Amino acid sequence: PVLDPEIGLGLVDLGLIYDVMVEPDGKVKIKMTLTTPACPY
């Protein structure tokens, strides 16, 4: 449900979430990007 407000689509559908890793202690590591480095949001 996390939407990019400029595009109106979710980050997952846009492919902006590159990786999710859950460690044994419950820590979640997320590797993500934005549509551009200058993204105002």
Full PDB file with SEQRES, HELIX, SHEET, SSBOND, CRYST1, ORIGX, SCALE, CONECT and MASTER records, all heavy atoms in Angstrom:
SEQRES   1 A   41  PRO VAL LEU ASP PRO GLU ILE GLY LEU GLY LEU VAL ASP          
SEQRES   2 A   41  LEU GLY LEU ILE TYR ASP VAL MET VAL GLU PRO ASP GLY          
SEQRES   3 A   41  LYS VAL LYS ILE LYS MET THR LEU THR THR PRO ALA CYS          
SEQRES   4 A   41  PRO TYR                                                      
HELIX    1 AA1 LEU A   11  LEU A   14  1                                   4    
SHEET    1 AA1 2 ILE A  17  VAL A  22  0                                        
SHEET    2 AA1 2 VAL A  28  MET A  32 -1                                        
CRYST1    1.000    1.000    1.000  90.00  90.00  90.00 P 1           1          
ORIGX1      1.000000  0.000000  0.000000        0.00000                         
ORIGX2      0.000000  1.000000  0.000000        0.00000                         
ORIGX3      0.000000  0.000000  1.000000        0.00000                         
SCALE1      1.000000  0.000000  0.000000        0.00000                         
SCALE2      0.000000  1.000000  0.000000        0.00000                         
SCALE3      0.000000  0.000000  1.000000        0.00000                         
ATOM      1  N   PRO A   1       0.787  -1.243   0.000  1.00  0.00           N  
ATOM      2  CA  PRO A   1       0.000   0.000   0.000  1.00  0.00           C  
ATOM      3  C   PRO A   1       0.819   1.294   0.000  1.00  0.00           C  
ATOM      4  O   PRO A   1       0.258   2.382  -0.125  1.00  0.00           O  
ATOM      5  CB  PRO A   1      -0.828  -0.079   1.285  1.00  0.00           C  
ATOM      6  CG  PRO A   1      -0.704  -1.471   1.777  1.00  0.00           C  
ATOM      7  CD  PRO A   1       0.569  -2.017   1.215  1.00  0.00           C  
ATOM      8  N   VAL A   2       2.142   1.202   0.155  1.00  0.00           N  
ATOM      9  CA  VAL A   2       2.968   2.413   0.163  1.00  0.00           C  
ATOM     10  C   VAL A   2       3.064   2.915  -1.277  1.00  0.00           C  
ATOM     11  O   VAL A   2       3.663   2.275  -2.135  1.00  0.00           O  
ATOM     12  CB  VAL A   2       4.370   2.142   0.753  1.00  0.00           C  
ATOM     13  CG1 VAL A   2       5.211   3.413   0.719  1.00  0.00           C  
ATOM     14  CG2 VAL A   2       4.261   1.600   2.168  1.00  0.00           C  
ATOM     15  N   LEU A   3       2.450   4.071  -1.525  1.00  0.00           N  
ATOM     16  CA  LEU A   3       2.351   4.614  -2.879  1.00  0.00           C  
ATOM     17  C   LEU A   3       3.371   5.706  -3.153  1.00  0.00           C  
ATOM     18  O   LEU A   3       3.668   6.523  -2.283  1.00  0.00           O  
ATOM     19  CB  LEU A   3       0.965   5.210  -3.111  1.00  0.00           C  
ATOM     20  CG  LEU A   3      -0.237   4.292  -2.981  1.00  0.00           C  
ATOM     21  CD1 LEU A   3      -1.520   5.088  -3.227  1.00  0.00           C  
ATOM     22  CD2 LEU A   3      -0.149   3.126  -3.932  1.00  0.00           C  
ATOM     23  N   ASP A   4       3.857   5.731  -4.374  1.00  0.00           N  
ATOM     24  CA  ASP A   4       4.625   6.863  -4.867  1.00  0.00           C  
ATOM     25  C   ASP A   4       3.585   7.905  -5.268  1.00  0.00           C  
ATOM     26  O   ASP A   4       2.814   7.678  -6.200  1.00  0.00           O  
ATOM     27  CB  ASP A   4       5.469   6.451  -6.075  1.00  0.00           C  
ATOM     28  CG  ASP A   4       6.318   7.593  -6.603  1.00  0.00           C  
ATOM     29  OD1 ASP A   4       5.764   8.703  -6.789  1.00  0.00           O  
ATOM     30  OD2 ASP A   4       7.506   7.383  -6.841  1.00  0.00           O  
ATOM     31  N   PRO A   5       3.521   9.039  -4.560  1.00  0.00           N  
ATOM     32  CA  PRO A   5       2.448  10.006  -4.826  1.00  0.00           C  
ATOM     33  C   PRO A   5       2.499  10.646  -6.209  1.00  0.00           C  
ATOM     34  O   PRO A   5       1.474  11.085  -6.718  1.00  0.00           O  
ATOM     35  CB  PRO A   5       2.610  11.051  -3.726  1.00  0.00           C  
ATOM     36  CG  PRO A   5       3.962  10.861  -3.176  1.00  0.00           C  
ATOM     37  CD  PRO A   5       4.387   9.460  -3.469  1.00  0.00           C  
ATOM     38  N   GLU A   6       3.653  10.687  -6.818  1.00  0.00           N  
ATOM     39  CA  GLU A   6       3.745  11.269  -8.162  1.00  0.00           C  
ATOM     40  C   GLU A   6       3.157  10.347  -9.218  1.00  0.00           C  
ATOM     41  O   GLU A   6       2.616  10.802 -10.216  1.00  0.00           O  
ATOM     42  CB  GLU A   6       5.202  11.570  -8.520  1.00  0.00           C  
ATOM     43  CG  GLU A   6       5.775  12.736  -7.746  1.00  0.00           C  
ATOM     44  CD  GLU A   6       7.170  13.069  -8.215  1.00  0.00           C  
ATOM     45  OE1 GLU A   6       8.057  12.198  -8.149  1.00  0.00           O  
ATOM     46  OE2 GLU A   6       7.355  14.220  -8.667  1.00  0.00           O  
ATOM     47  N   ILE A   7       3.276   9.046  -8.989  1.00  0.00           N  
ATOM     48  CA  ILE A   7       2.835   8.074  -9.987  1.00  0.00           C  
ATOM     49  C   ILE A   7       1.500   7.444  -9.597  1.00  0.00           C  
ATOM     50  O   ILE A   7       0.722   7.056 -10.449  1.00  0.00           O  
ATOM     51  CB  ILE A   7       3.921   6.989 -10.191  1.00  0.00           C  
ATOM     52  CG1 ILE A   7       5.204   7.650 -10.690  1.00  0.00           C  
ATOM     53  CG2 ILE A   7       3.464   5.927 -11.179  1.00  0.00           C  
ATOM     54  CD1 ILE A   7       6.379   6.719 -10.816  1.00  0.00           C  
ATOM     55  N   GLY A   8       1.241   7.359  -8.294  1.00  0.00           N  
ATOM     56  CA  GLY A   8      -0.009   6.775  -7.828  1.00  0.00           C  
ATOM     57  C   GLY A   8      -0.003   5.258  -7.798  1.00  0.00           C  
ATOM     58  O   GLY A   8      -1.056   4.633  -7.766  1.00  0.00           O  
ATOM     59  N   LEU A   9       1.174   4.664  -7.823  1.00  0.00           N  
ATOM     60  CA  LEU A   9       1.306   3.214  -7.741  1.00  0.00           C  
ATOM     61  C   LEU A   9       2.187   2.857  -6.555  1.00  0.00           C  
ATOM     62  O   LEU A   9       3.018   3.657  -6.111  1.00  0.00           O  
ATOM     63  CB  LEU A   9       1.938   2.654  -9.018  1.00  0.00           C  
ATOM     64  CG  LEU A   9       1.089   2.723 -10.274  1.00  0.00           C  
ATOM     65  CD1 LEU A   9       1.922   2.405 -11.501  1.00  0.00           C  
ATOM     66  CD2 LEU A   9      -0.091   1.772 -10.170  1.00  0.00           C  
ATOM     67  N   GLY A  10       2.036   1.620  -6.070  1.00  0.00           N  
ATOM     68  CA  GLY A  10       2.807   1.164  -4.931  1.00  0.00           C  
ATOM     69  C   GLY A  10       4.262   0.898  -5.275  1.00  0.00           C  
ATOM     70  O   GLY A  10       4.602   0.548  -6.411  1.00  0.00           O  
ATOM     71  N   LEU A  11       5.103   1.050  -4.266  1.00  0.00           N  
ATOM     72  CA  LEU A  11       6.540   0.827  -4.459  1.00  0.00           C  
ATOM     73  C   LEU A  11       6.844  -0.602  -4.886  1.00  0.00           C  
ATOM     74  O   LEU A  11       7.753  -0.825  -5.689  1.00  0.00           O  
ATOM     75  CB  LEU A  11       7.290   1.146  -3.162  1.00  0.00           C  
ATOM     76  CG  LEU A  11       7.125   2.546  -2.573  1.00  0.00           C  
ATOM     77  CD1 LEU A  11       8.022   2.714  -1.355  1.00  0.00           C  
ATOM     78  CD2 LEU A  11       7.402   3.608  -3.602  1.00  0.00           C  
ATOM     79  N   VAL A  12       6.078  -1.561  -4.368  1.00  0.00           N  
ATOM     80  CA  VAL A  12       6.309  -2.957  -4.739  1.00  0.00           C  
ATOM     81  C   VAL A  12       5.963  -3.164  -6.214  1.00  0.00           C  
ATOM     82  O   VAL A  12       6.739  -3.754  -6.968  1.00  0.00           O  
ATOM     83  CB  VAL A  12       5.499  -3.907  -3.831  1.00  0.00           C  
ATOM     84  CG1 VAL A  12       5.591  -5.348  -4.320  1.00  0.00           C  
ATOM     85  CG2 VAL A  12       5.988  -3.805  -2.381  1.00  0.00           C  
ATOM     86  N   ASP A  13       4.794  -2.666  -6.654  1.00  0.00           N  
ATOM     87  CA  ASP A  13       4.402  -2.825  -8.060  1.00  0.00           C  
ATOM     88  C   ASP A  13       5.351  -2.088  -8.997  1.00  0.00           C  
ATOM     89  O   ASP A  13       5.583  -2.537 -10.119  1.00  0.00           O  
ATOM     90  CB  ASP A  13       2.972  -2.350  -8.295  1.00  0.00           C  
ATOM     91  CG  ASP A  13       1.954  -3.393  -7.877  1.00  0.00           C  
ATOM     92  OD1 ASP A  13       2.195  -4.593  -8.118  1.00  0.00           O  
ATOM     93  OD2 ASP A  13       0.913  -3.015  -7.310  1.00  0.00           O  
ATOM     94  N   LEU A  14       5.884  -0.970  -8.552  1.00  0.00           N  
ATOM     95  CA  LEU A  14       6.823  -0.232  -9.391  1.00  0.00           C  
ATOM     96  C   LEU A  14       8.181  -0.923  -9.486  1.00  0.00           C  
ATOM     97  O   LEU A  14       8.987  -0.591 -10.352  1.00  0.00           O  
ATOM     98  CB  LEU A  14       7.009   1.190  -8.852  1.00  0.00           C  
ATOM     99  CG  LEU A  14       5.832   2.123  -9.084  1.00  0.00           C  
ATOM    100  CD1 LEU A  14       6.009   3.406  -8.276  1.00  0.00           C  
ATOM    101  CD2 LEU A  14       5.675   2.427 -10.568  1.00  0.00           C  
ATOM    102  N   GLY A  15       8.432  -1.876  -8.604  1.00  0.00           N  
ATOM    103  CA  GLY A  15       9.723  -2.565  -8.620  1.00  0.00           C  
ATOM    104  C   GLY A  15      10.803  -1.799  -7.887  1.00  0.00           C  
ATOM    105  O   GLY A  15      11.997  -2.009  -8.135  1.00  0.00           O  
ATOM    106  N   LEU A  16      10.419  -0.924  -6.985  1.00  0.00           N  
ATOM    107  CA  LEU A  16      11.390  -0.114  -6.251  1.00  0.00           C  
ATOM    108  C   LEU A  16      11.951  -0.827  -5.021  1.00  0.00           C  
ATOM    109  O   LEU A  16      12.946  -0.377  -4.454  1.00  0.00           O  
ATOM    110  CB  LEU A  16      10.761   1.222  -5.836  1.00  0.00           C  
ATOM    111  CG  LEU A  16      10.318   2.114  -6.998  1.00  0.00           C  
ATOM    112  CD1 LEU A  16       9.552   3.326  -6.481  1.00  0.00           C  
ATOM    113  CD2 LEU A  16      11.499   2.541  -7.834  1.00  0.00           C  
ATOM    114  N   ILE A  17      11.320  -1.916  -4.616  1.00  0.00           N  
ATOM    115  CA  ILE A  17      11.832  -2.727  -3.510  1.00  0.00           C  
ATOM    116  C   ILE A  17      12.693  -3.820  -4.128  1.00  0.00           C  
ATOM    117  O   ILE A  17      12.200  -4.727  -4.787  1.00  0.00           O  
ATOM    118  CB  ILE A  17      10.687  -3.337  -2.673  1.00  0.00           C  
ATOM    119  CG1 ILE A  17       9.715  -2.257  -2.183  1.00  0.00           C  
ATOM    120  CG2 ILE A  17      11.262  -4.152  -1.521  1.00  0.00           C  
ATOM    121  CD1 ILE A  17      10.322  -1.208  -1.270  1.00  0.00           C  
ATOM    122  N   TYR A  18      13.991  -3.720  -3.943  1.00  0.00           N  
ATOM    123  CA  TYR A  18      14.923  -4.651  -4.569  1.00  0.00           C  
ATOM    124  C   TYR A  18      15.109  -5.929  -3.768  1.00  0.00           C  
ATOM    125  O   TYR A  18      15.298  -6.991  -4.333  1.00  0.00           O  
ATOM    126  CB  TYR A  18      16.280  -3.989  -4.772  1.00  0.00           C  
ATOM    127  CG  TYR A  18      16.347  -2.994  -5.910  1.00  0.00           C  
ATOM    128  CD1 TYR A  18      17.526  -2.329  -6.176  1.00  0.00           C  
ATOM    129  CD2 TYR A  18      15.249  -2.722  -6.712  1.00  0.00           C  
ATOM    130  CE1 TYR A  18      17.619  -1.415  -7.214  1.00  0.00           C  
ATOM    131  CE2 TYR A  18      15.331  -1.816  -7.747  1.00  0.00           C  
ATOM    132  CZ  TYR A  18      16.517  -1.163  -7.997  1.00  0.00           C  
ATOM    133  OH  TYR A  18      16.603  -0.272  -9.031  1.00  0.00           O  
ATOM    134  N   ASP A  19      15.094  -5.828  -2.433  1.00  0.00           N  
ATOM    135  CA  ASP A  19      15.354  -7.011  -1.628  1.00  0.00           C  
ATOM    136  C   ASP A  19      14.782  -6.812  -0.230  1.00  0.00           C  
ATOM    137  O   ASP A  19      14.799  -5.699   0.302  1.00  0.00           O  
ATOM    138  CB  ASP A  19      16.872  -7.256  -1.531  1.00  0.00           C  
ATOM    139  CG  ASP A  19      17.217  -8.577  -0.875  1.00  0.00           C  
ATOM    140  OD1 ASP A  19      16.538  -9.582  -1.166  1.00  0.00           O  
ATOM    141  OD2 ASP A  19      18.159  -8.602  -0.066  1.00  0.00           O  
ATOM    142  N   VAL A  20      14.285  -7.907   0.340  1.00  0.00           N  
ATOM    143  CA  VAL A  20      13.832  -7.934   1.726  1.00  0.00           C  
ATOM    144  C   VAL A  20      14.487  -9.143   2.376  1.00  0.00           C  
ATOM    145  O   VAL A  20      14.420 -10.252   1.840  1.00  0.00           O  
ATOM    146  CB  VAL A  20      12.295  -8.057   1.826  1.00  0.00           C  
ATOM    147  CG1 VAL A  20      11.854  -8.253   3.268  1.00  0.00           C  
ATOM    148  CG2 VAL A  20      11.609  -6.838   1.222  1.00  0.00           C  
ATOM    149  N   MET A  21      15.100  -8.926   3.526  1.00  0.00           N  
ATOM    150  CA  MET A  21      15.721 -10.017   4.254  1.00  0.00           C  
ATOM    151  C   MET A  21      15.289  -9.926   5.714  1.00  0.00           C  
ATOM    152  O   MET A  21      15.376  -8.853   6.319  1.00  0.00           O  
ATOM    153  CB  MET A  21      17.240  -9.940   4.161  1.00  0.00           C  
ATOM    154  CG  MET A  21      17.931 -11.132   4.787  1.00  0.00           C  
ATOM    155  SD  MET A  21      19.720 -11.103   4.572  1.00  0.00           S  
ATOM    156  CE  MET A  21      20.189  -9.892   5.784  1.00  0.00           C  
ATOM    157  N   VAL A  22      14.810 -11.041   6.242  1.00  0.00           N  
ATOM    158  CA  VAL A  22      14.441 -11.117   7.655  1.00  0.00           C  
ATOM    159  C   VAL A  22      15.512 -11.933   8.364  1.00  0.00           C  
ATOM    160  O   VAL A  22      15.764 -13.081   8.024  1.00  0.00           O  
ATOM    161  CB  VAL A  22      13.051 -11.768   7.834  1.00  0.00           C  
ATOM    162  CG1 VAL A  22      12.699 -11.844   9.319  1.00  0.00           C  
ATOM    163  CG2 VAL A  22      11.983 -11.000   7.063  1.00  0.00           C  
ATOM    164  N   GLU A  23      16.135 -11.315   9.361  1.00  0.00           N  
ATOM    165  CA  GLU A  23      17.175 -12.000  10.128  1.00  0.00           C  
ATOM    166  C   GLU A  23      16.547 -12.809  11.265  1.00  0.00           C  
ATOM    167  O   GLU A  23      15.403 -12.550  11.656  1.00  0.00           O  
ATOM    168  CB  GLU A  23      18.172 -10.971  10.664  1.00  0.00           C  
ATOM    169  CG  GLU A  23      18.925 -10.274   9.543  1.00  0.00           C  
ATOM    170  CD  GLU A  23      20.038  -9.376  10.042  1.00  0.00           C  
ATOM    171  OE1 GLU A  23      20.052  -8.998  11.230  1.00  0.00           O  
ATOM    172  OE2 GLU A  23      20.914  -9.055   9.215  1.00  0.00           O  
ATOM    173  N   PRO A  24      17.284 -13.754  11.819  1.00  0.00           N  
ATOM    174  CA  PRO A  24      16.738 -14.619  12.872  1.00  0.00           C  
ATOM    175  C   PRO A  24      16.248 -13.879  14.119  1.00  0.00           C  
ATOM    176  O   PRO A  24      15.430 -14.402  14.866  1.00  0.00           O  
ATOM    177  CB  PRO A  24      17.910 -15.550  13.231  1.00  0.00           C  
ATOM    178  CG  PRO A  24      18.769 -15.556  12.016  1.00  0.00           C  
ATOM    179  CD  PRO A  24      18.617 -14.198  11.401  1.00  0.00           C  
ATOM    180  N   ASP A  25      16.736 -12.649  14.341  1.00  0.00           N  
ATOM    181  CA  ASP A  25      16.293 -11.881  15.509  1.00  0.00           C  
ATOM    182  C   ASP A  25      15.102 -10.977  15.197  1.00  0.00           C  
ATOM    183  O   ASP A  25      14.673 -10.194  16.040  1.00  0.00           O  
ATOM    184  CB  ASP A  25      17.451 -11.050  16.074  1.00  0.00           C  
ATOM    185  CG  ASP A  25      17.982 -10.008  15.097  1.00  0.00           C  
ATOM    186  OD1 ASP A  25      17.510  -9.957  13.940  1.00  0.00           O  
ATOM    187  OD2 ASP A  25      18.877  -9.240  15.499  1.00  0.00           O  
ATOM    188  N   GLY A  26      14.536 -11.083  13.985  1.00  0.00           N  
ATOM    189  CA  GLY A  26      13.370 -10.271  13.615  1.00  0.00           C  
ATOM    190  C   GLY A  26      13.715  -8.954  12.953  1.00  0.00           C  
ATOM    191  O   GLY A  26      12.823  -8.200  12.568  1.00  0.00           O  
ATOM    192  N   LYS A  27      14.993  -8.665  12.801  1.00  0.00           N  
ATOM    193  CA  LYS A  27      15.404  -7.443  12.106  1.00  0.00           C  
ATOM    194  C   LYS A  27      15.140  -7.621  10.615  1.00  0.00           C  
ATOM    195  O   LYS A  27      15.469  -8.643  10.031  1.00  0.00           O  
ATOM    196  CB  LYS A  27      16.884  -7.162  12.333  1.00  0.00           C  
ATOM    197  CG  LYS A  27      17.377  -5.901  11.658  1.00  0.00           C  
ATOM    198  CD  LYS A  27      18.835  -5.634  11.991  1.00  0.00           C  
ATOM    199  CE  LYS A  27      19.321  -4.362  11.355  1.00  0.00           C  
ATOM    200  NZ  LYS A  27      20.718  -4.058  11.721  1.00  0.00           N  
ATOM    201  N   VAL A  28      14.541  -6.610  10.020  1.00  0.00           N  
ATOM    202  CA  VAL A  28      14.225  -6.633   8.591  1.00  0.00           C  
ATOM    203  C   VAL A  28      15.137  -5.650   7.878  1.00  0.00           C  
ATOM    204  O   VAL A  28      15.231  -4.479   8.268  1.00  0.00           O  
ATOM    205  CB  VAL A  28      12.745  -6.267   8.345  1.00  0.00           C  
ATOM    206  CG1 VAL A  28      12.457  -6.126   6.870  1.00  0.00           C  
ATOM    207  CG2 VAL A  28      11.837  -7.302   8.981  1.00  0.00           C  
ATOM    208  N   LYS A  29      15.802  -6.153   6.839  1.00  0.00           N  
ATOM    209  CA  LYS A  29      16.663  -5.302   6.015  1.00  0.00           C  
ATOM    210  C   LYS A  29      16.004  -5.176   4.644  1.00  0.00           C  
ATOM    211  O   LYS A  29      15.693  -6.183   4.006  1.00  0.00           O  
ATOM    212  CB  LYS A  29      18.054  -5.903   5.880  1.00  0.00           C  
ATOM    213  CG  LYS A  29      18.837  -5.899   7.175  1.00  0.00           C  
ATOM    214  CD  LYS A  29      20.238  -6.414   6.955  1.00  0.00           C  
ATOM    215  CE  LYS A  29      21.053  -6.316   8.229  1.00  0.00           C  
ATOM    216  NZ  LYS A  29      22.449  -6.747   7.999  1.00  0.00           N  
ATOM    217  N   ILE A  30      15.808  -3.940   4.234  1.00  0.00           N  
ATOM    218  CA  ILE A  30      15.174  -3.658   2.951  1.00  0.00           C  
ATOM    219  C   ILE A  30      16.142  -2.875   2.092  1.00  0.00           C  
ATOM    220  O   ILE A  30      16.713  -1.873   2.536  1.00  0.00           O  
ATOM    221  CB  ILE A  30      13.877  -2.843   3.136  1.00  0.00           C  
ATOM    222  CG1 ILE A  30      12.874  -3.640   3.974  1.00  0.00           C  
ATOM    223  CG2 ILE A  30      13.279  -2.439   1.785  1.00  0.00           C  
ATOM    224  CD1 ILE A  30      11.666  -2.845   4.412  1.00  0.00           C  
ATOM    225  N   LYS A  31      16.323  -3.346   0.871  1.00  0.00           N  
ATOM    226  CA  LYS A  31      17.125  -2.627  -0.109  1.00  0.00           C  
ATOM    227  C   LYS A  31      16.136  -2.088  -1.133  1.00  0.00           C  
ATOM    228  O   LYS A  31      15.350  -2.842  -1.717  1.00  0.00           O  
ATOM    229  CB  LYS A  31      18.130  -3.562  -0.777  1.00  0.00           C  
ATOM    230  CG  LYS A  31      19.180  -2.844  -1.590  1.00  0.00           C  
ATOM    231  CD  LYS A  31      20.145  -3.799  -2.263  1.00  0.00           C  
ATOM    232  CE  LYS A  31      20.920  -4.619  -1.249  1.00  0.00           C  
ATOM    233  NZ  LYS A  31      21.929  -5.488  -1.897  1.00  0.00           N  
ATOM    234  N   MET A  32      16.149  -0.773  -1.315  1.00  0.00           N  
ATOM    235  CA  MET A  32      15.191  -0.159  -2.232  1.00  0.00           C  
ATOM    236  C   MET A  32      15.821   1.005  -2.973  1.00  0.00           C  
ATOM    237  O   MET A  32      16.919   1.446  -2.643  1.00  0.00           O  
ATOM    238  CB  MET A  32      13.948   0.316  -1.475  1.00  0.00           C  
ATOM    239  CG  MET A  32      14.196   1.457  -0.499  1.00  0.00           C  
ATOM    240  SD  MET A  32      12.696   2.054   0.328  1.00  0.00           S  
ATOM    241  CE  MET A  32      11.900   2.961  -0.995  1.00  0.00           C  
ATOM    242  N   THR A  33      15.098   1.481  -3.977  1.00  0.00           N  
ATOM    243  CA  THR A  33      15.527   2.645  -4.731  1.00  0.00           C  
ATOM    244  C   THR A  33      14.333   3.572  -4.890  1.00  0.00           C  
ATOM    245  O   THR A  33      13.243   3.296  -4.393  1.00  0.00           O  
ATOM    246  CB  THR A  33      16.117   2.227  -6.096  1.00  0.00           C  
ATOM    247  OG1 THR A  33      16.816   3.342  -6.659  1.00  0.00           O  
ATOM    248  CG2 THR A  33      15.051   1.732  -7.055  1.00  0.00           C  
ATOM    249  N   LEU A  34      14.549   4.666  -5.575  1.00  0.00           N  
ATOM    250  CA  LEU A  34      13.486   5.612  -5.918  1.00  0.00           C  
ATOM    251  C   LEU A  34      13.473   5.752  -7.433  1.00  0.00           C  
ATOM    252  O   LEU A  34      14.412   5.332  -8.105  1.00  0.00           O  
ATOM    253  CB  LEU A  34      13.750   6.967  -5.252  1.00  0.00           C  
ATOM    254  CG  LEU A  34      13.856   6.953  -3.729  1.00  0.00           C  
ATOM    255  CD1 LEU A  34      14.320   8.312  -3.217  1.00  0.00           C  
ATOM    256  CD2 LEU A  34      12.536   6.554  -3.091  1.00  0.00           C  
ATOM    257  N   THR A  35      12.430   6.350  -7.970  1.00  0.00           N  
ATOM    258  CA  THR A  35      12.356   6.486  -9.425  1.00  0.00           C  
ATOM    259  C   THR A  35      13.488   7.344  -9.964  1.00  0.00           C  
ATOM    260  O   THR A  35      13.973   7.101 -11.068  1.00  0.00           O  
ATOM    261  CB  THR A  35      11.002   7.069  -9.859  1.00  0.00           C  
ATOM    262  OG1 THR A  35      10.788   8.310  -9.170  1.00  0.00           O  
ATOM    263  CG2 THR A  35       9.869   6.099  -9.569  1.00  0.00           C  
ATOM    264  N   THR A  36      13.917   8.336  -9.197  1.00  0.00           N  
ATOM    265  CA  THR A  36      15.068   9.168  -9.563  1.00  0.00           C  
ATOM    266  C   THR A  36      15.778   9.619  -8.283  1.00  0.00           C  
ATOM    267  O   THR A  36      15.142   9.732  -7.238  1.00  0.00           O  
ATOM    268  CB  THR A  36      14.670  10.455 -10.340  1.00  0.00           C  
ATOM    269  OG1 THR A  36      13.983  11.330  -9.445  1.00  0.00           O  
ATOM    270  CG2 THR A  36      13.815  10.136 -11.548  1.00  0.00           C  
ATOM    271  N   PRO A  37      17.071   9.912  -8.356  1.00  0.00           N  
ATOM    272  CA  PRO A  37      17.761  10.430  -7.172  1.00  0.00           C  
ATOM    273  C   PRO A  37      17.181  11.756  -6.677  1.00  0.00           C  
ATOM    274  O   PRO A  37      17.299  12.074  -5.498  1.00  0.00           O  
ATOM    275  CB  PRO A  37      19.203  10.608  -7.654  1.00  0.00           C  
ATOM    276  CG  PRO A  37      19.353   9.634  -8.765  1.00  0.00           C  
ATOM    277  CD  PRO A  37      18.005   9.623  -9.451  1.00  0.00           C  
ATOM    278  N   ALA A  38      16.532  12.510  -7.552  1.00  0.00           N  
ATOM    279  CA  ALA A  38      15.967  13.801  -7.168  1.00  0.00           C  
ATOM    280  C   ALA A  38      14.501  13.710  -6.748  1.00  0.00           C  
ATOM    281  O   ALA A  38      13.831  14.728  -6.639  1.00  0.00           O  
ATOM    282  CB  ALA A  38      16.107  14.780  -8.330  1.00  0.00           C  
ATOM    283  N   CYS A  39      14.003  12.517  -6.485  1.00  0.00           N  
ATOM    284  CA  CYS A  39      12.606  12.327  -6.109  1.00  0.00           C  
ATOM    285  C   CYS A  39      12.257  13.232  -4.927  1.00  0.00           C  
ATOM    286  O   CYS A  39      12.857  13.121  -3.855  1.00  0.00           O  
ATOM    287  CB  CYS A  39      12.348  10.871  -5.739  1.00  0.00           C  
ATOM    288  SG  CYS A  39      10.685  10.563  -5.133  1.00  0.00           S  
ATOM    289  N   PRO A  40      11.281  14.150  -5.096  1.00  0.00           N  
ATOM    290  CA  PRO A  40      10.952  15.067  -4.012  1.00  0.00           C  
ATOM    291  C   PRO A  40      10.284  14.390  -2.817  1.00  0.00           C  
ATOM    292  O   PRO A  40      10.206  14.978  -1.744  1.00  0.00           O  
ATOM    293  CB  PRO A  40      10.008  16.072  -4.675  1.00  0.00           C  
ATOM    294  CG  PRO A  40       9.418  15.341  -5.827  1.00  0.00           C  
ATOM    295  CD  PRO A  40      10.485  14.389  -6.290  1.00  0.00           C  
ATOM    296  N   TYR A  41       9.811  13.181  -2.989  1.00  0.00           N  
ATOM    297  CA  TYR A  41       9.145  12.451  -1.910  1.00  0.00           C  
ATOM    298  C   TYR A  41      10.043  11.382  -1.291  1.00  0.00           C  
ATOM    299  O   TYR A  41       9.559  10.533  -0.545  1.00  0.00           O  
ATOM    300  CB  TYR A  41       7.859  11.792  -2.435  1.00  0.00           C  
ATOM    301  CG  TYR A  41       6.855  12.804  -2.896  1.00  0.00           C  
ATOM    302  CD1 TYR A  41       6.682  13.070  -4.251  1.00  0.00           C  
ATOM    303  CD2 TYR A  41       6.087  13.518  -1.984  1.00  0.00           C  
ATOM    304  CE1 TYR A  41       5.766  14.014  -4.681  1.00  0.00           C  
ATOM    305  CE2 TYR A  41       5.168  14.460  -2.403  1.00  0.00           C  
ATOM    306  CZ  TYR A  41       5.017  14.706  -3.747  1.00  0.00           C  
ATOM    307  OH  TYR A  41       4.108  15.643  -4.172  1.00  0.00           O  
TER     308      TYR A  41                                                      
MASTER        0    0    0    1    2    0    0    6  307    1    0    4          
END                                                                             
